[in-house]
Amino acid sequence: MPTNSRLARVTGAFVLFFLLFAVGGLIPGPLRAAIESCLGLPFSVPPVAHFALFVAMAFCLSWASPRLGVIGTLAIMLVLGAVVELLQEWIPGRTPSWEDFLLDTLGAGLGCLACLLVKRSCEKAAVSFNKEN
């Protein structure tokens, strides 16, 4: 698979995850409660969504923009999380939450770590492959 195609897919995945996060974070409270009750899940969706989406977004951003580095990626992710949390101040039935922001931060950190580990593993595999050939 060409590098440009892979980059386009990772960028597209980041945009998709961000849209899911933004839409989910900005849905008015009563609508969010109705959606959660229809899903009938044994757990609350928002904490899981905050963590999982930030893991995925940080991984994708780290992979697509290696020049940002871990600090740059974390900074962007934290700004995204803070903006959505602050916007909830003006959405009926929603309030900003430090807990959600903490889950965003932990998810972003894990996503960056996962990306570093995958990149390191790929580099080791490439070196090993080059030594064999």
N, C-alpha and C. Protein backbone atom coordinates (compact mmCIF):
# COMPACT_ATOMS: atom_id res chain seq x y z
N MET A 1 0.84 -1.17 0.00
CA MET A 1 0.00 0.00 0.00
C MET A 1 0.89 1.24 0.00
N PRO A 2 0.68 2.18 -0.93
CA PRO A 2 1.50 3.38 -0.97
C PRO A 2 1.33 4.22 0.30
N THR A 3 2.38 4.96 0.62
CA THR A 3 2.36 5.78 1.82
C THR A 3 1.27 6.83 1.78
N ASN A 4 1.04 7.47 0.63
CA ASN A 4 0.00 8.49 0.52
C ASN A 4 -1.38 7.91 0.80
N SER A 5 -1.63 6.70 0.35
CA SER A 5 -2.91 6.06 0.58
C SER A 5 -3.09 5.76 2.07
N ARG A 6 -2.04 5.29 2.71
CA ARG A 6 -2.09 4.99 4.14
C ARG A 6 -2.31 6.27 4.93
N LEU A 7 -1.62 7.34 4.54
CA LEU A 7 -1.78 8.63 5.21
C LEU A 7 -3.21 9.14 5.05
N ALA A 8 -3.77 8.99 3.87
CA ALA A 8 -5.15 9.43 3.64
C ALA A 8 -6.13 8.64 4.51
N ARG A 9 -5.90 7.35 4.65
CA ARG A 9 -6.78 6.53 5.48
C ARG A 9 -6.68 6.89 6.96
N VAL A 10 -5.47 7.12 7.43
CA VAL A 10 -5.28 7.48 8.83
C VAL A 10 -5.89 8.86 9.10
N THR A 11 -5.70 9.78 8.18
CA THR A 11 -6.29 11.12 8.32
C THR A 11 -7.81 11.03 8.30
N GLY A 12 -8.35 10.23 7.41
CA GLY A 12 -9.79 10.03 7.35
C GLY A 12 -10.33 9.42 8.63
N ALA A 13 -9.59 8.47 9.20
CA ALA A 13 -10.01 7.85 10.46
C ALA A 13 -10.01 8.90 11.58
N PHE A 14 -8.98 9.75 11.61
CA PHE A 14 -8.93 10.81 12.62
C PHE A 14 -10.15 11.72 12.49
N VAL A 15 -10.48 12.14 11.28
CA VAL A 15 -11.63 13.03 11.06
C VAL A 15 -12.92 12.34 11.51
N LEU A 16 -13.09 11.08 11.18
CA LEU A 16 -14.27 10.34 11.59
C LEU A 16 -14.38 10.27 13.11
N PHE A 17 -13.29 9.91 13.78
CA PHE A 17 -13.30 9.83 15.25
C PHE A 17 -13.57 11.20 15.87
N PHE A 18 -12.98 12.25 15.29
CA PHE A 18 -13.23 13.59 15.81
C PHE A 18 -14.69 13.99 15.65
N LEU A 19 -15.27 13.70 14.50
CA LEU A 19 -16.69 14.03 14.28
C LEU A 19 -17.58 13.28 15.27
N LEU A 20 -17.28 12.01 15.50
CA LEU A 20 -18.04 11.24 16.50
C LEU A 20 -17.94 11.89 17.87
N PHE A 21 -16.73 12.30 18.23
CA PHE A 21 -16.52 12.92 19.53
C PHE A 21 -17.25 14.27 19.62
N ALA A 22 -17.09 15.10 18.59
CA ALA A 22 -17.70 16.43 18.62
C ALA A 22 -19.22 16.34 18.64
N VAL A 23 -19.79 15.50 17.79
CA VAL A 23 -21.25 15.35 17.77
C VAL A 23 -21.74 14.79 19.09
N GLY A 24 -21.09 13.75 19.58
CA GLY A 24 -21.49 13.16 20.86
C GLY A 24 -21.35 14.14 22.01
N GLY A 25 -20.31 14.95 21.97
CA GLY A 25 -20.07 15.90 23.05
C GLY A 25 -20.99 17.10 23.01
N LEU A 26 -21.59 17.37 21.85
CA LEU A 26 -22.41 18.57 21.72
C LEU A 26 -23.90 18.28 21.58
N ILE A 27 -24.30 17.02 21.74
CA ILE A 27 -25.73 16.67 21.71
C ILE A 27 -26.37 17.19 22.99
N PRO A 28 -27.53 17.84 22.89
CA PRO A 28 -28.22 18.29 24.10
C PRO A 28 -28.51 17.14 25.06
N GLY A 29 -28.51 17.44 26.35
CA GLY A 29 -28.67 16.43 27.40
C GLY A 29 -29.86 15.50 27.25
N PRO A 30 -31.08 16.04 27.02
CA PRO A 30 -32.24 15.14 26.91
C PRO A 30 -32.13 14.17 25.73
N LEU A 31 -31.60 14.63 24.60
CA LEU A 31 -31.43 13.76 23.44
C LEU A 31 -30.38 12.69 23.75
N ARG A 32 -29.30 13.08 24.42
CA ARG A 32 -28.26 12.12 24.78
C ARG A 32 -28.83 11.04 25.70
N ALA A 33 -29.63 11.45 26.67
CA ALA A 33 -30.24 10.48 27.59
C ALA A 33 -31.16 9.53 26.85
N ALA A 34 -31.93 10.05 25.89
CA ALA A 34 -32.84 9.20 25.11
C ALA A 34 -32.05 8.18 24.27
N ILE A 35 -30.96 8.64 23.67
CA ILE A 35 -30.13 7.74 22.86
C ILE A 35 -29.53 6.64 23.74
N GLU A 36 -29.01 7.04 24.91
CA GLU A 36 -28.41 6.05 25.82
C GLU A 36 -29.43 5.03 26.29
N SER A 37 -30.66 5.48 26.56
CA SER A 37 -31.68 4.53 27.03
C SER A 37 -32.10 3.57 25.91
N CYS A 38 -32.10 4.06 24.67
CA CYS A 38 -32.42 3.18 23.52
C CYS A 38 -31.34 2.12 23.32
N LEU A 39 -30.09 2.48 23.58
CA LEU A 39 -28.99 1.53 23.39
C LEU A 39 -29.05 0.40 24.41
N GLY A 40 -29.50 0.72 25.62
CA GLY A 40 -29.64 -0.31 26.65
C GLY A 40 -28.33 -0.98 27.04
N LEU A 41 -27.24 -0.24 27.01
CA LEU A 41 -25.94 -0.81 27.35
C LEU A 41 -25.78 -0.91 28.87
N PRO A 42 -25.00 -1.87 29.35
CA PRO A 42 -24.81 -2.02 30.79
C PRO A 42 -23.80 -1.02 31.38
N PHE A 43 -23.33 -0.08 30.58
CA PHE A 43 -22.38 0.92 31.05
C PHE A 43 -22.76 2.27 30.45
N SER A 44 -22.23 3.33 31.06
CA SER A 44 -22.48 4.67 30.56
C SER A 44 -21.58 4.93 29.35
N VAL A 45 -22.16 5.38 28.28
CA VAL A 45 -21.42 5.59 27.03
C VAL A 45 -20.38 6.71 27.12
N PRO A 46 -20.71 7.89 27.68
CA PRO A 46 -19.74 8.99 27.62
C PRO A 46 -18.35 8.71 28.15
N PRO A 47 -18.17 8.10 29.33
CA PRO A 47 -16.79 7.87 29.77
C PRO A 47 -16.02 6.94 28.84
N VAL A 48 -16.67 5.91 28.38
CA VAL A 48 -16.01 4.96 27.47
C VAL A 48 -15.69 5.65 26.15
N ALA A 49 -16.63 6.45 25.65
CA ALA A 49 -16.43 7.15 24.39
C ALA A 49 -15.29 8.16 24.50
N HIS A 50 -15.25 8.92 25.60
CA HIS A 50 -14.16 9.89 25.78
C HIS A 50 -12.82 9.19 25.69
N PHE A 51 -12.66 8.14 26.47
CA PHE A 51 -11.38 7.45 26.52
C PHE A 51 -11.04 6.80 25.17
N ALA A 52 -11.95 6.01 24.64
CA ALA A 52 -11.68 5.26 23.40
C ALA A 52 -11.44 6.18 22.20
N LEU A 53 -12.26 7.21 22.07
CA LEU A 53 -12.08 8.12 20.93
C LEU A 53 -10.78 8.90 21.03
N PHE A 54 -10.36 9.26 22.24
CA PHE A 54 -9.09 9.97 22.37
C PHE A 54 -7.90 9.07 22.15
N VAL A 55 -8.01 7.80 22.51
CA VAL A 55 -6.94 6.85 22.17
C VAL A 55 -6.81 6.79 20.65
N ALA A 56 -7.94 6.61 19.97
CA ALA A 56 -7.93 6.47 18.51
C ALA A 56 -7.47 7.76 17.82
N MET A 57 -7.98 8.91 18.26
CA MET A 57 -7.59 10.17 17.62
C MET A 57 -6.11 10.48 17.83
N ALA A 58 -5.60 10.27 19.04
CA ALA A 58 -4.18 10.54 19.30
C ALA A 58 -3.30 9.60 18.49
N PHE A 59 -3.69 8.34 18.39
CA PHE A 59 -2.92 7.38 17.59
C PHE A 59 -2.87 7.85 16.13
N CYS A 60 -4.02 8.18 15.58
CA CYS A 60 -4.09 8.62 14.18
C CYS A 60 -3.30 9.90 13.94
N LEU A 61 -3.45 10.88 14.83
CA LEU A 61 -2.74 12.15 14.67
C LEU A 61 -1.24 11.93 14.77
N SER A 62 -0.82 11.12 15.72
CA SER A 62 0.60 10.81 15.88
C SER A 62 1.16 10.12 14.64
N TRP A 63 0.38 9.20 14.09
CA TRP A 63 0.83 8.44 12.92
C TRP A 63 0.88 9.34 11.68
N ALA A 64 -0.15 10.17 11.52
CA ALA A 64 -0.24 11.00 10.31
C ALA A 64 0.70 12.19 10.34
N SER A 65 1.05 12.68 11.53
CA SER A 65 1.89 13.87 11.66
C SER A 65 3.06 13.61 12.61
N PRO A 66 4.04 12.82 12.18
CA PRO A 66 5.14 12.48 13.09
C PRO A 66 5.96 13.70 13.53
N ARG A 67 5.95 14.77 12.73
CA ARG A 67 6.72 15.96 13.12
C ARG A 67 6.16 16.65 14.36
N LEU A 68 4.88 16.41 14.66
CA LEU A 68 4.30 17.00 15.87
C LEU A 68 4.96 16.47 17.13
N GLY A 69 5.33 15.21 17.10
CA GLY A 69 5.89 14.57 18.28
C GLY A 69 4.81 14.32 19.32
N VAL A 70 5.20 13.71 20.41
CA VAL A 70 4.23 13.37 21.46
C VAL A 70 3.68 14.63 22.11
N ILE A 71 4.53 15.58 22.41
CA ILE A 71 4.08 16.81 23.09
C ILE A 71 3.10 17.58 22.20
N GLY A 72 3.42 17.72 20.93
CA GLY A 72 2.52 18.43 20.01
C GLY A 72 1.17 17.73 19.87
N THR A 73 1.23 16.42 19.73
CA THR A 73 0.00 15.64 19.61
C THR A 73 -0.84 15.78 20.88
N LEU A 74 -0.22 15.63 22.03
CA LEU A 74 -0.95 15.77 23.29
C LEU A 74 -1.54 17.17 23.43
N ALA A 75 -0.79 18.18 23.04
CA ALA A 75 -1.30 19.55 23.14
C ALA A 75 -2.55 19.73 22.29
N ILE A 76 -2.50 19.26 21.05
CA ILE A 76 -3.67 19.38 20.16
C ILE A 76 -4.85 18.61 20.73
N MET A 77 -4.60 17.41 21.20
CA MET A 77 -5.69 16.60 21.74
C MET A 77 -6.31 17.24 22.98
N LEU A 78 -5.49 17.81 23.84
CA LEU A 78 -6.02 18.44 25.04
C LEU A 78 -6.82 19.70 24.70
N VAL A 79 -6.38 20.44 23.70
CA VAL A 79 -7.15 21.61 23.26
C VAL A 79 -8.51 21.17 22.71
N LEU A 80 -8.52 20.10 21.89
CA LEU A 80 -9.80 19.60 21.36
C LEU A 80 -10.74 19.20 22.49
N GLY A 81 -10.22 18.47 23.47
CA GLY A 81 -11.04 18.04 24.60
C GLY A 81 -11.55 19.23 25.40
N ALA A 82 -10.68 20.21 25.64
CA ALA A 82 -11.08 21.39 26.42
C ALA A 82 -12.15 22.20 25.70
N VAL A 83 -11.98 22.37 24.39
CA VAL A 83 -12.96 23.16 23.62
C VAL A 83 -14.34 22.52 23.68
N VAL A 84 -14.40 21.21 23.46
CA VAL A 84 -15.71 20.54 23.49
C VAL A 84 -16.31 20.61 24.89
N GLU A 85 -15.48 20.42 25.92
CA GLU A 85 -16.00 20.52 27.29
C GLU A 85 -16.51 21.93 27.57
N LEU A 86 -15.79 22.94 27.16
CA LEU A 86 -16.23 24.32 27.41
C LEU A 86 -17.49 24.67 26.63
N LEU A 87 -17.61 24.16 25.42
CA LEU A 87 -18.82 24.42 24.63
C LEU A 87 -20.07 23.84 25.28
N GLN A 88 -19.88 22.81 26.09
CA GLN A 88 -21.03 22.19 26.76
C GLN A 88 -21.69 23.15 27.75
N GLU A 89 -21.01 24.20 28.15
CA GLU A 89 -21.57 25.20 29.05
C GLU A 89 -22.83 25.84 28.45
N TRP A 90 -22.88 25.92 27.12
CA TRP A 90 -23.99 26.60 26.45
C TRP A 90 -24.98 25.63 25.79
N ILE A 91 -24.84 24.36 26.06
CA ILE A 91 -25.74 23.37 25.48
C ILE A 91 -26.73 22.92 26.56
N PRO A 92 -28.03 22.98 26.24
CA PRO A 92 -29.03 22.60 27.26
C PRO A 92 -28.82 21.18 27.78
N GLY A 93 -28.84 21.05 29.09
CA GLY A 93 -28.73 19.74 29.71
C GLY A 93 -27.32 19.19 29.78
N ARG A 94 -26.33 19.99 29.43
CA ARG A 94 -24.93 19.54 29.46
C ARG A 94 -24.12 20.47 30.34
N THR A 95 -23.10 19.94 30.97
CA THR A 95 -22.17 20.73 31.77
C THR A 95 -20.76 20.22 31.52
N PRO A 96 -19.78 21.12 31.52
CA PRO A 96 -18.39 20.68 31.39
C PRO A 96 -18.00 19.78 32.56
N SER A 97 -17.10 18.86 32.31
CA SER A 97 -16.72 17.90 33.34
C SER A 97 -15.21 17.70 33.36
N TRP A 98 -14.63 17.86 34.55
CA TRP A 98 -13.21 17.59 34.71
C TRP A 98 -12.91 16.11 34.51
N GLU A 99 -13.86 15.26 34.90
CA GLU A 99 -13.67 13.81 34.74
C GLU A 99 -13.54 13.45 33.26
N ASP A 100 -14.41 14.05 32.43
CA ASP A 100 -14.32 13.78 30.99
C ASP A 100 -12.99 14.28 30.43
N PHE A 101 -12.56 15.45 30.88
CA PHE A 101 -11.29 16.00 30.41
C PHE A 101 -10.13 15.10 30.84
N LEU A 102 -10.21 14.55 32.05
CA LEU A 102 -9.17 13.62 32.51
C LEU A 102 -9.16 12.35 31.66
N LEU A 103 -10.34 11.83 31.33
CA LEU A 103 -10.42 10.65 30.45
C LEU A 103 -9.85 10.97 29.07
N ASP A 104 -10.12 12.18 28.57
CA ASP A 104 -9.54 12.61 27.29
C ASP A 104 -8.01 12.60 27.37
N THR A 105 -7.50 13.14 28.46
CA THR A 105 -6.04 13.22 28.64
C THR A 105 -5.41 11.83 28.73
N LEU A 106 -6.02 10.95 29.52
CA LEU A 106 -5.50 9.59 29.64
C LEU A 106 -5.58 8.85 28.30
N GLY A 107 -6.68 9.01 27.59
CA GLY A 107 -6.83 8.38 26.29
C GLY A 107 -5.80 8.88 25.30
N ALA A 108 -5.58 10.21 25.28
CA ALA A 108 -4.59 10.78 24.37
C ALA A 108 -3.19 10.25 24.69
N GLY A 109 -2.87 10.16 25.96
CA GLY A 109 -1.57 9.63 26.36
C GLY A 109 -1.39 8.18 25.93
N LEU A 110 -2.42 7.37 26.13
CA LEU A 110 -2.35 5.97 25.71
C LEU A 110 -2.26 5.85 24.18
N GLY A 111 -2.99 6.70 23.47
CA GLY A 111 -2.93 6.67 22.01
C GLY A 111 -1.54 7.02 21.49
N CYS A 112 -0.90 8.02 22.10
CA CYS A 112 0.47 8.39 21.71
C CYS A 112 1.45 7.25 22.03
N LEU A 113 1.29 6.66 23.20
CA LEU A 113 2.15 5.54 23.58
C LEU A 113 1.98 4.37 22.63
N ALA A 114 0.74 4.05 22.30
CA ALA A 114 0.48 2.94 21.37
C ALA A 114 1.12 3.22 20.02
N CYS A 115 1.01 4.46 19.54
CA CYS A 115 1.61 4.80 18.25
C CYS A 115 3.13 4.65 18.30
N LEU A 116 3.74 5.13 19.38
CA LEU A 116 5.20 4.98 19.52
C LEU A 116 5.61 3.52 19.51
N LEU A 117 4.86 2.68 20.21
CA LEU A 117 5.18 1.25 20.27
C LEU A 117 5.01 0.58 18.91
N VAL A 118 3.96 0.93 18.19
CA VAL A 118 3.74 0.35 16.86
C VAL A 118 4.84 0.80 15.91
N LYS A 119 5.19 2.08 15.94
CA LYS A 119 6.26 2.59 15.07
C LYS A 119 7.58 1.89 15.38
N ARG A 120 7.89 1.75 16.66
CA ARG A 120 9.13 1.08 17.06
C ARG A 120 9.14 -0.37 16.59
N SER A 121 8.01 -1.04 16.72
CA SER A 121 7.90 -2.42 16.27
C SER A 121 8.09 -2.52 14.76
N CYS A 122 7.50 -1.58 14.02
CA CYS A 122 7.65 -1.57 12.55
C CYS A 122 9.10 -1.32 12.16
N GLU A 123 9.76 -0.41 12.88
CA GLU A 123 11.17 -0.12 12.58
C GLU A 123 12.04 -1.35 12.84
N LYS A 124 11.78 -2.04 13.94
CA LYS A 124 12.55 -3.25 14.25
C LYS A 124 12.32 -4.32 13.19
N ALA A 125 11.09 -4.46 12.74
CA ALA A 125 10.78 -5.45 11.71
C ALA A 125 11.48 -5.08 10.41
N ALA A 126 11.53 -3.80 10.07
CA ALA A 126 12.19 -3.37 8.84
C ALA A 126 13.70 -3.62 8.92
N VAL A 127 14.29 -3.32 10.07
CA VAL A 127 15.72 -3.57 10.24
C VAL A 127 16.01 -5.06 10.15
N SER A 128 15.20 -5.86 10.79
CA SER A 128 15.36 -7.31 10.74
C SER A 128 15.22 -7.83 9.31
N PHE A 129 14.24 -7.30 8.58
CA PHE A 129 14.03 -7.72 7.20
C PHE A 129 15.23 -7.33 6.34
N ASN A 130 15.77 -6.13 6.55
CA ASN A 130 16.91 -5.67 5.76
C ASN A 130 18.17 -6.48 6.06
N LYS A 131 18.33 -6.92 7.29
CA LYS A 131 19.49 -7.73 7.65
C LYS A 131 19.42 -9.09 6.99
N GLU A 132 18.22 -9.63 6.84
CA GLU A 132 18.05 -10.95 6.24
C GLU A 132 18.26 -10.90 4.73
N ASN A 133 18.02 -9.76 4.12
CA ASN A 133 18.14 -9.66 2.66
C ASN A 133 19.41 -9.01 2.28
